[in-house]
């Protein structure tokens, strides 16, 4: 939680987002990611700060977010997954964060994020989607 507070403080203090984030979404996703940005501190890994919105009429118990890091040529360099905020109310929105410490992120790298799983409150079943293909399609390969 302290990482989220620090990231929000940096954002509110006018600190610029270091990298923009491309967001992908499965067509039937119950969660949408909004306002995503990567913020870097001088000492520490970059942090993805995002708003998650529940698109359904039912509360969600939990969801997970996948982040993909692509090199400048469009080659996938890293993939990282982490749980998002718990208990997202029906049609509600909350801010959350994710520390991107899976690999080094270079200045020309492209970051893509998407929700790949969600679970309704009171249910044992999960909604799942493969967002990697959408992420790869969002970052075309470049030939040098």
N, C-alpha and C. Protein backbone atom coordinates (compact mmCIF):
# COMPACT_ATOMS: atom_id res chain seq x y z
N UNK A 1 0.82 -1.18 0.00
CA UNK A 1 0.00 0.00 0.00
C UNK A 1 0.87 1.25 0.00
N UNK A 2 2.02 1.21 0.66
CA UNK A 2 2.89 2.39 0.71
C UNK A 2 3.43 2.73 -0.68
N UNK A 3 3.64 1.73 -1.53
CA UNK A 3 4.07 2.00 -2.90
C UNK A 3 3.00 2.78 -3.64
N UNK A 4 1.73 2.40 -3.45
CA UNK A 4 0.64 3.11 -4.10
C UNK A 4 0.57 4.54 -3.61
N UNK A 5 0.70 4.76 -2.32
CA UNK A 5 0.66 6.11 -1.76
C UNK A 5 1.80 6.95 -2.32
N UNK A 6 2.99 6.37 -2.38
CA UNK A 6 4.14 7.08 -2.93
C UNK A 6 3.94 7.41 -4.40
N UNK A 7 3.41 6.47 -5.17
CA UNK A 7 3.18 6.70 -6.60
C UNK A 7 2.14 7.78 -6.81
N UNK A 8 1.07 7.75 -6.05
CA UNK A 8 0.03 8.79 -6.16
C UNK A 8 0.60 10.14 -5.76
N UNK A 9 1.41 10.16 -4.71
CA UNK A 9 2.02 11.41 -4.27
C UNK A 9 2.90 12.00 -5.37
N UNK A 10 3.69 11.15 -6.03
CA UNK A 10 4.51 11.63 -7.14
C UNK A 10 3.65 12.18 -8.27
N UNK A 11 2.59 11.48 -8.58
CA UNK A 11 1.71 11.90 -9.65
C UNK A 11 1.03 13.23 -9.32
N UNK A 12 0.54 13.35 -8.11
CA UNK A 12 -0.14 14.57 -7.70
C UNK A 12 0.81 15.74 -7.54
N UNK A 13 2.07 15.46 -7.24
CA UNK A 13 3.05 16.51 -7.07
C UNK A 13 3.52 17.06 -8.41
N UNK A 14 2.96 16.54 -9.47
CA UNK A 14 3.33 17.03 -10.79
C UNK A 14 4.49 16.29 -11.40
N UNK A 15 4.94 15.22 -10.76
CA UNK A 15 6.01 14.41 -11.32
C UNK A 15 5.53 13.77 -12.61
N UNK A 16 6.30 13.88 -13.68
CA UNK A 16 5.84 13.34 -14.96
C UNK A 16 5.89 11.82 -14.98
N UNK A 17 4.98 11.25 -15.70
CA UNK A 17 5.02 9.81 -15.93
C UNK A 17 6.19 9.54 -16.86
N UNK A 18 7.01 8.57 -16.53
CA UNK A 18 8.19 8.29 -17.33
C UNK A 18 7.83 7.62 -18.65
N UNK A 19 6.81 6.79 -18.64
CA UNK A 19 6.43 6.06 -19.85
C UNK A 19 4.92 5.98 -19.95
N UNK A 20 4.47 6.08 -21.16
CA UNK A 20 3.05 5.82 -21.38
C UNK A 20 2.86 4.31 -21.45
N UNK A 21 1.62 3.88 -21.28
CA UNK A 21 1.29 2.47 -21.28
C UNK A 21 0.19 2.24 -22.31
N UNK A 22 0.36 1.24 -23.14
CA UNK A 22 -0.69 0.83 -24.06
C UNK A 22 -1.54 -0.19 -23.31
N UNK A 23 -2.85 0.03 -23.32
CA UNK A 23 -3.76 -0.88 -22.61
C UNK A 23 -4.49 -1.74 -23.64
N UNK A 24 -4.52 -3.04 -23.38
CA UNK A 24 -5.29 -3.98 -24.20
C UNK A 24 -6.38 -4.59 -23.34
N UNK A 25 -7.45 -5.02 -24.01
CA UNK A 25 -8.57 -5.57 -23.27
C UNK A 25 -9.26 -6.65 -24.09
N UNK A 26 -9.58 -7.75 -23.46
CA UNK A 26 -10.36 -8.79 -24.12
C UNK A 26 -11.77 -8.26 -24.33
N UNK A 27 -12.45 -8.67 -25.40
CA UNK A 27 -13.78 -8.14 -25.70
C UNK A 27 -14.80 -8.33 -24.57
N UNK A 28 -14.70 -9.41 -23.83
CA UNK A 28 -15.68 -9.69 -22.78
C UNK A 28 -15.14 -9.43 -21.37
N UNK A 29 -14.08 -8.64 -21.28
CA UNK A 29 -13.45 -8.40 -19.99
C UNK A 29 -14.39 -7.69 -19.02
N UNK A 30 -14.47 -8.17 -17.78
CA UNK A 30 -15.30 -7.51 -16.78
C UNK A 30 -14.61 -6.30 -16.15
N UNK A 31 -13.31 -6.11 -16.44
CA UNK A 31 -12.54 -5.00 -15.86
C UNK A 31 -11.84 -4.26 -16.99
N UNK A 32 -11.86 -2.93 -16.89
CA UNK A 32 -11.15 -2.08 -17.85
C UNK A 32 -10.06 -1.32 -17.10
N UNK A 33 -8.89 -1.22 -17.69
CA UNK A 33 -7.81 -0.42 -17.12
C UNK A 33 -7.87 0.97 -17.77
N UNK A 34 -7.88 1.99 -16.91
CA UNK A 34 -7.89 3.38 -17.36
C UNK A 34 -6.70 4.12 -16.75
N UNK A 35 -6.34 5.20 -17.35
CA UNK A 35 -5.33 6.12 -16.79
C UNK A 35 -4.07 5.40 -16.32
N UNK A 36 -3.49 4.62 -17.17
CA UNK A 36 -2.29 3.86 -16.82
C UNK A 36 -1.04 4.66 -17.17
N UNK A 37 -0.09 4.67 -16.26
CA UNK A 37 1.19 5.33 -16.48
C UNK A 37 2.25 4.62 -15.65
N UNK A 38 3.48 4.68 -16.14
CA UNK A 38 4.61 4.13 -15.39
C UNK A 38 5.39 5.30 -14.82
N UNK A 39 5.63 5.23 -13.52
CA UNK A 39 6.35 6.27 -12.80
C UNK A 39 7.62 5.66 -12.25
N UNK A 40 8.72 6.37 -12.38
CA UNK A 40 9.99 5.88 -11.86
C UNK A 40 10.52 6.82 -10.80
N UNK A 41 11.01 6.25 -9.73
CA UNK A 41 11.68 7.01 -8.69
C UNK A 41 13.18 6.92 -8.93
N UNK A 42 13.93 7.81 -8.34
CA UNK A 42 15.38 7.80 -8.53
C UNK A 42 15.99 6.50 -8.03
N UNK A 43 15.53 6.03 -6.88
CA UNK A 43 16.06 4.80 -6.29
C UNK A 43 14.94 3.78 -6.15
N UNK A 44 14.84 2.90 -7.12
CA UNK A 44 13.82 1.87 -7.04
C UNK A 44 13.28 1.52 -8.40
N UNK A 45 12.52 0.44 -8.46
CA UNK A 45 11.96 -0.01 -9.74
C UNK A 45 10.81 0.87 -10.18
N UNK A 46 10.49 0.86 -11.47
CA UNK A 46 9.33 1.59 -11.95
C UNK A 46 8.04 0.99 -11.40
N UNK A 47 7.00 1.83 -11.34
CA UNK A 47 5.71 1.41 -10.80
C UNK A 47 4.62 1.75 -11.81
N UNK A 48 3.79 0.76 -12.13
CA UNK A 48 2.61 1.00 -12.96
C UNK A 48 1.50 1.49 -12.04
N UNK A 49 0.96 2.66 -12.33
CA UNK A 49 -0.17 3.20 -11.60
C UNK A 49 -1.35 3.21 -12.57
N UNK A 50 -2.48 2.64 -12.14
CA UNK A 50 -3.62 2.55 -13.05
C UNK A 50 -4.94 2.62 -12.27
N UNK A 51 -5.98 2.96 -13.00
CA UNK A 51 -7.34 2.89 -12.46
C UNK A 51 -8.01 1.68 -13.09
N UNK A 52 -8.64 0.85 -12.26
CA UNK A 52 -9.39 -0.31 -12.73
C UNK A 52 -10.87 -0.04 -12.52
N UNK A 53 -11.67 -0.30 -13.55
CA UNK A 53 -13.11 -0.08 -13.49
C UNK A 53 -13.84 -1.39 -13.72
N UNK A 54 -14.76 -1.71 -12.81
CA UNK A 54 -15.60 -2.90 -12.94
C UNK A 54 -16.70 -2.56 -13.94
N UNK A 55 -16.78 -3.28 -15.03
CA UNK A 55 -17.77 -3.03 -16.09
C UNK A 55 -19.07 -3.79 -15.90
N UNK A 56 -19.18 -4.53 -14.79
CA UNK A 56 -20.34 -5.40 -14.60
C UNK A 56 -21.28 -4.87 -13.52
N UNK A 57 -22.43 -5.51 -13.42
CA UNK A 57 -23.43 -5.19 -12.40
C UNK A 57 -23.19 -5.94 -11.10
N UNK A 58 -22.11 -6.72 -11.03
CA UNK A 58 -21.83 -7.52 -9.84
C UNK A 58 -20.44 -7.17 -9.30
N UNK A 59 -20.28 -7.21 -7.97
CA UNK A 59 -18.96 -6.92 -7.41
C UNK A 59 -17.96 -8.02 -7.76
N UNK A 60 -16.71 -7.62 -7.89
CA UNK A 60 -15.64 -8.57 -8.16
C UNK A 60 -14.82 -8.77 -6.90
N UNK A 61 -14.49 -10.03 -6.64
CA UNK A 61 -13.67 -10.36 -5.49
C UNK A 61 -12.21 -9.97 -5.74
N UNK A 62 -11.73 -10.27 -6.97
CA UNK A 62 -10.35 -9.96 -7.31
C UNK A 62 -10.14 -10.06 -8.81
N UNK A 63 -9.01 -9.51 -9.27
CA UNK A 63 -8.61 -9.60 -10.67
C UNK A 63 -7.10 -9.52 -10.74
N UNK A 64 -6.53 -9.95 -11.87
CA UNK A 64 -5.09 -9.87 -12.05
C UNK A 64 -4.76 -9.07 -13.30
N UNK A 65 -3.62 -8.44 -13.26
CA UNK A 65 -3.14 -7.59 -14.35
C UNK A 65 -1.85 -8.17 -14.88
N UNK A 66 -1.72 -8.21 -16.20
CA UNK A 66 -0.48 -8.65 -16.85
C UNK A 66 0.16 -7.44 -17.50
N UNK A 67 1.48 -7.35 -17.36
CA UNK A 67 2.24 -6.30 -18.01
C UNK A 67 3.29 -6.96 -18.90
N UNK A 68 3.40 -6.46 -20.11
CA UNK A 68 4.36 -6.96 -21.08
C UNK A 68 5.33 -5.83 -21.41
N UNK A 69 6.61 -6.15 -21.48
CA UNK A 69 7.62 -5.18 -21.87
C UNK A 69 8.21 -5.65 -23.20
N UNK A 70 8.12 -4.78 -24.19
CA UNK A 70 8.63 -5.08 -25.53
C UNK A 70 9.81 -4.17 -25.82
N UNK A 71 10.80 -4.71 -26.49
CA UNK A 71 11.92 -3.90 -26.94
C UNK A 71 11.49 -2.98 -28.07
N UNK A 72 12.36 -2.07 -28.46
CA UNK A 72 12.05 -1.10 -29.52
C UNK A 72 11.71 -1.79 -30.84
N UNK A 73 12.25 -3.01 -31.04
CA UNK A 73 11.98 -3.74 -32.27
C UNK A 73 10.68 -4.55 -32.21
N UNK A 74 9.97 -4.50 -31.08
CA UNK A 74 8.72 -5.22 -30.94
C UNK A 74 8.86 -6.61 -30.36
N UNK A 75 10.06 -7.00 -29.96
CA UNK A 75 10.30 -8.31 -29.37
C UNK A 75 9.92 -8.31 -27.90
N UNK A 76 9.17 -9.32 -27.48
CA UNK A 76 8.78 -9.44 -26.07
C UNK A 76 10.01 -9.70 -25.22
N UNK A 77 10.24 -8.82 -24.23
CA UNK A 77 11.39 -8.95 -23.33
C UNK A 77 11.00 -9.54 -21.98
N UNK A 78 9.81 -9.18 -21.49
CA UNK A 78 9.41 -9.62 -20.16
C UNK A 78 7.90 -9.63 -20.05
N UNK A 79 7.44 -10.49 -19.13
CA UNK A 79 6.01 -10.59 -18.83
C UNK A 79 5.88 -10.72 -17.32
N UNK A 80 4.97 -9.97 -16.75
CA UNK A 80 4.79 -9.98 -15.30
C UNK A 80 3.31 -9.93 -14.97
N UNK A 81 2.89 -10.65 -13.93
CA UNK A 81 1.48 -10.67 -13.53
C UNK A 81 1.40 -10.40 -12.03
N UNK A 82 0.35 -9.71 -11.64
CA UNK A 82 0.14 -9.43 -10.21
C UNK A 82 -1.34 -9.20 -9.95
N UNK A 83 -1.78 -9.50 -8.74
CA UNK A 83 -3.17 -9.23 -8.39
C UNK A 83 -3.43 -7.73 -8.37
N UNK A 84 -4.64 -7.35 -8.80
CA UNK A 84 -5.07 -5.96 -8.69
C UNK A 84 -5.76 -5.77 -7.35
N UNK A 85 -6.46 -4.67 -7.22
CA UNK A 85 -7.17 -4.41 -5.97
C UNK A 85 -8.24 -5.47 -5.76
N UNK A 86 -8.52 -5.78 -4.51
CA UNK A 86 -9.58 -6.73 -4.18
C UNK A 86 -10.88 -5.97 -4.01
N UNK A 87 -11.97 -6.69 -4.09
CA UNK A 87 -13.34 -6.18 -3.87
C UNK A 87 -13.63 -4.89 -4.64
N UNK A 88 -13.74 -5.05 -5.93
CA UNK A 88 -14.08 -3.93 -6.81
C UNK A 88 -15.60 -3.93 -6.98
N UNK A 89 -16.26 -2.90 -6.44
CA UNK A 89 -17.73 -2.82 -6.46
C UNK A 89 -18.28 -2.79 -7.88
N UNK A 90 -19.54 -3.18 -8.03
CA UNK A 90 -20.21 -3.13 -9.33
C UNK A 90 -20.12 -1.71 -9.88
N UNK A 91 -19.63 -1.57 -11.10
CA UNK A 91 -19.43 -0.29 -11.79
C UNK A 91 -18.53 0.65 -11.02
N UNK A 92 -17.78 0.13 -10.05
CA UNK A 92 -16.85 0.96 -9.27
C UNK A 92 -15.49 1.03 -9.92
N UNK A 93 -14.70 1.98 -9.44
CA UNK A 93 -13.34 2.16 -9.93
C UNK A 93 -12.42 2.43 -8.75
N UNK A 94 -11.20 1.88 -8.82
CA UNK A 94 -10.18 2.09 -7.79
C UNK A 94 -8.83 2.21 -8.47
N UNK A 95 -7.95 2.97 -7.83
CA UNK A 95 -6.56 3.02 -8.28
C UNK A 95 -5.78 1.89 -7.64
N UNK A 96 -4.80 1.40 -8.36
CA UNK A 96 -3.93 0.37 -7.85
C UNK A 96 -2.56 0.56 -8.48
N UNK A 97 -1.60 -0.23 -8.03
CA UNK A 97 -0.25 -0.12 -8.57
C UNK A 97 0.37 -1.51 -8.68
N UNK A 98 1.43 -1.55 -9.45
CA UNK A 98 2.16 -2.79 -9.65
C UNK A 98 3.63 -2.44 -9.83
N UNK A 99 4.48 -3.00 -9.00
CA UNK A 99 5.91 -2.77 -9.12
C UNK A 99 6.44 -3.59 -10.29
N UNK A 100 7.13 -2.93 -11.20
CA UNK A 100 7.65 -3.61 -12.40
C UNK A 100 9.11 -3.95 -12.19
N UNK A 101 9.34 -5.00 -11.43
CA UNK A 101 10.71 -5.40 -11.11
C UNK A 101 11.10 -6.71 -11.76
N UNK A 102 10.36 -7.11 -12.79
CA UNK A 102 10.64 -8.37 -13.47
C UNK A 102 11.85 -8.31 -14.37
N UNK A 103 12.14 -7.14 -14.92
CA UNK A 103 13.31 -6.94 -15.77
C UNK A 103 13.54 -5.44 -15.91
N UNK A 104 14.70 -5.10 -16.39
CA UNK A 104 15.02 -3.69 -16.59
C UNK A 104 14.18 -3.15 -17.75
N UNK A 105 13.70 -1.93 -17.61
CA UNK A 105 12.92 -1.29 -18.67
C UNK A 105 13.75 -0.16 -19.24
N UNK A 106 14.06 -0.28 -20.52
CA UNK A 106 14.89 0.71 -21.19
C UNK A 106 14.07 1.88 -21.71
N UNK A 107 14.74 2.96 -22.08
CA UNK A 107 14.04 4.17 -22.52
C UNK A 107 13.23 3.99 -23.81
N UNK A 108 13.59 3.02 -24.64
CA UNK A 108 12.85 2.81 -25.89
C UNK A 108 11.87 1.64 -25.82
N UNK A 109 11.80 0.99 -24.66
CA UNK A 109 10.89 -0.15 -24.49
C UNK A 109 9.44 0.32 -24.50
N UNK A 110 8.56 -0.58 -24.88
CA UNK A 110 7.12 -0.31 -24.93
C UNK A 110 6.44 -1.18 -23.87
N UNK A 111 5.56 -0.57 -23.09
CA UNK A 111 4.87 -1.28 -22.02
C UNK A 111 3.40 -1.42 -22.38
N UNK A 112 2.89 -2.65 -22.25
CA UNK A 112 1.49 -2.95 -22.55
C UNK A 112 0.91 -3.67 -21.33
N UNK A 113 -0.31 -3.28 -20.94
CA UNK A 113 -0.96 -3.88 -19.78
C UNK A 113 -2.38 -4.30 -20.12
N UNK A 114 -2.87 -5.33 -19.43
CA UNK A 114 -4.25 -5.79 -19.61
C UNK A 114 -4.67 -6.70 -18.47
N UNK A 115 -5.97 -6.82 -18.28
CA UNK A 115 -6.52 -7.71 -17.25
C UNK A 115 -6.68 -9.09 -17.87
N UNK A 116 -6.14 -10.11 -17.19
CA UNK A 116 -6.23 -11.45 -17.75
C UNK A 116 -7.11 -12.40 -16.94
N UNK A 117 -7.52 -12.01 -15.71
CA UNK A 117 -8.39 -12.85 -14.90
C UNK A 117 -9.25 -11.98 -13.98
N UNK A 118 -10.43 -12.47 -13.66
CA UNK A 118 -11.30 -11.80 -12.68
C UNK A 118 -12.21 -12.84 -12.06
N UNK A 119 -12.56 -12.60 -10.81
CA UNK A 119 -13.45 -13.51 -10.08
C UNK A 119 -14.56 -12.70 -9.43
N UNK A 120 -15.80 -13.07 -9.71
CA UNK A 120 -16.94 -12.41 -9.07
C UNK A 120 -16.98 -12.74 -7.60
N UNK A 121 -17.50 -11.83 -6.80
CA UNK A 121 -17.65 -12.06 -5.36
C UNK A 121 -18.62 -13.23 -5.16
N UNK A 122 -18.27 -14.14 -4.26
CA UNK A 122 -19.12 -15.28 -3.95
C UNK A 122 -19.07 -16.40 -4.96
N UNK A 123 -18.14 -16.34 -5.91
CA UNK A 123 -18.04 -17.37 -6.95
C UNK A 123 -16.67 -18.05 -6.86
N UNK A 124 -16.64 -19.31 -7.23
CA UNK A 124 -15.38 -20.05 -7.29
C UNK A 124 -14.78 -20.02 -8.69
N UNK A 125 -15.57 -19.63 -9.68
CA UNK A 125 -15.07 -19.66 -11.06
C UNK A 125 -14.44 -18.32 -11.42
N UNK A 126 -13.51 -18.40 -12.36
CA UNK A 126 -12.77 -17.24 -12.83
C UNK A 126 -13.07 -16.96 -14.30
N UNK A 127 -13.14 -15.71 -14.66
CA UNK A 127 -13.11 -15.30 -16.06
C UNK A 127 -11.63 -15.20 -16.43
N UNK A 128 -11.26 -15.73 -17.59
CA UNK A 128 -9.87 -15.69 -18.02
C UNK A 128 -9.78 -15.30 -19.50
N UNK A 129 -8.69 -14.65 -19.84
CA UNK A 129 -8.43 -14.29 -21.23
C UNK A 129 -6.93 -14.30 -21.48
N UNK A 130 -6.55 -14.60 -22.70
CA UNK A 130 -5.15 -14.54 -23.11
C UNK A 130 -4.92 -13.16 -23.72
N UNK A 131 -4.34 -12.25 -22.96
CA UNK A 131 -4.13 -10.90 -23.46
C UNK A 131 -2.76 -10.74 -24.13
N UNK A 132 -1.95 -11.80 -24.13
CA UNK A 132 -0.63 -11.69 -24.75
C UNK A 132 -0.73 -11.45 -26.25
N UNK A 133 -1.64 -12.13 -26.91
CA UNK A 133 -1.78 -11.92 -28.36
C UNK A 133 -2.20 -10.48 -28.67
N UNK A 134 -3.10 -9.94 -27.86
CA UNK A 134 -3.52 -8.54 -28.06
C UNK A 134 -2.35 -7.60 -27.80
N UNK A 135 -1.53 -7.91 -26.79
CA UNK A 135 -0.36 -7.08 -26.49
C UNK A 135 0.63 -7.13 -27.65
N UNK A 136 0.88 -8.32 -28.17
CA UNK A 136 1.80 -8.45 -29.30
C UNK A 136 1.28 -7.72 -30.54
N UNK A 137 -0.02 -7.76 -30.76
CA UNK A 137 -0.61 -7.06 -31.91
C UNK A 137 -0.54 -5.54 -31.74
N UNK A 138 -0.52 -5.06 -30.51
CA UNK A 138 -0.47 -3.62 -30.25
C UNK A 138 0.94 -3.04 -30.46
N UNK A 139 1.95 -3.91 -30.53
CA UNK A 139 3.32 -3.47 -30.70
C UNK A 139 3.88 -4.16 -31.94
N UNK A 140 3.79 -3.51 -33.08
CA UNK A 140 4.26 -4.17 -34.29
C UNK A 140 5.78 -4.39 -34.26
N UNK A 141 6.19 -5.50 -34.86
CA UNK A 141 7.62 -5.79 -34.97
C UNK A 141 8.23 -4.88 -36.01
N UNK A 142 9.40 -4.38 -35.70
CA UNK A 142 10.10 -3.49 -36.64
C UNK A 142 11.32 -4.21 -37.19
N UNK A 143 11.57 -4.03 -38.46
CA UNK A 143 12.76 -4.61 -39.09
C UNK A 143 13.79 -3.50 -39.24
N UNK A 144 15.00 -3.82 -38.81
CA UNK A 144 16.08 -2.83 -38.88
C UNK A 144 17.02 -3.15 -40.00
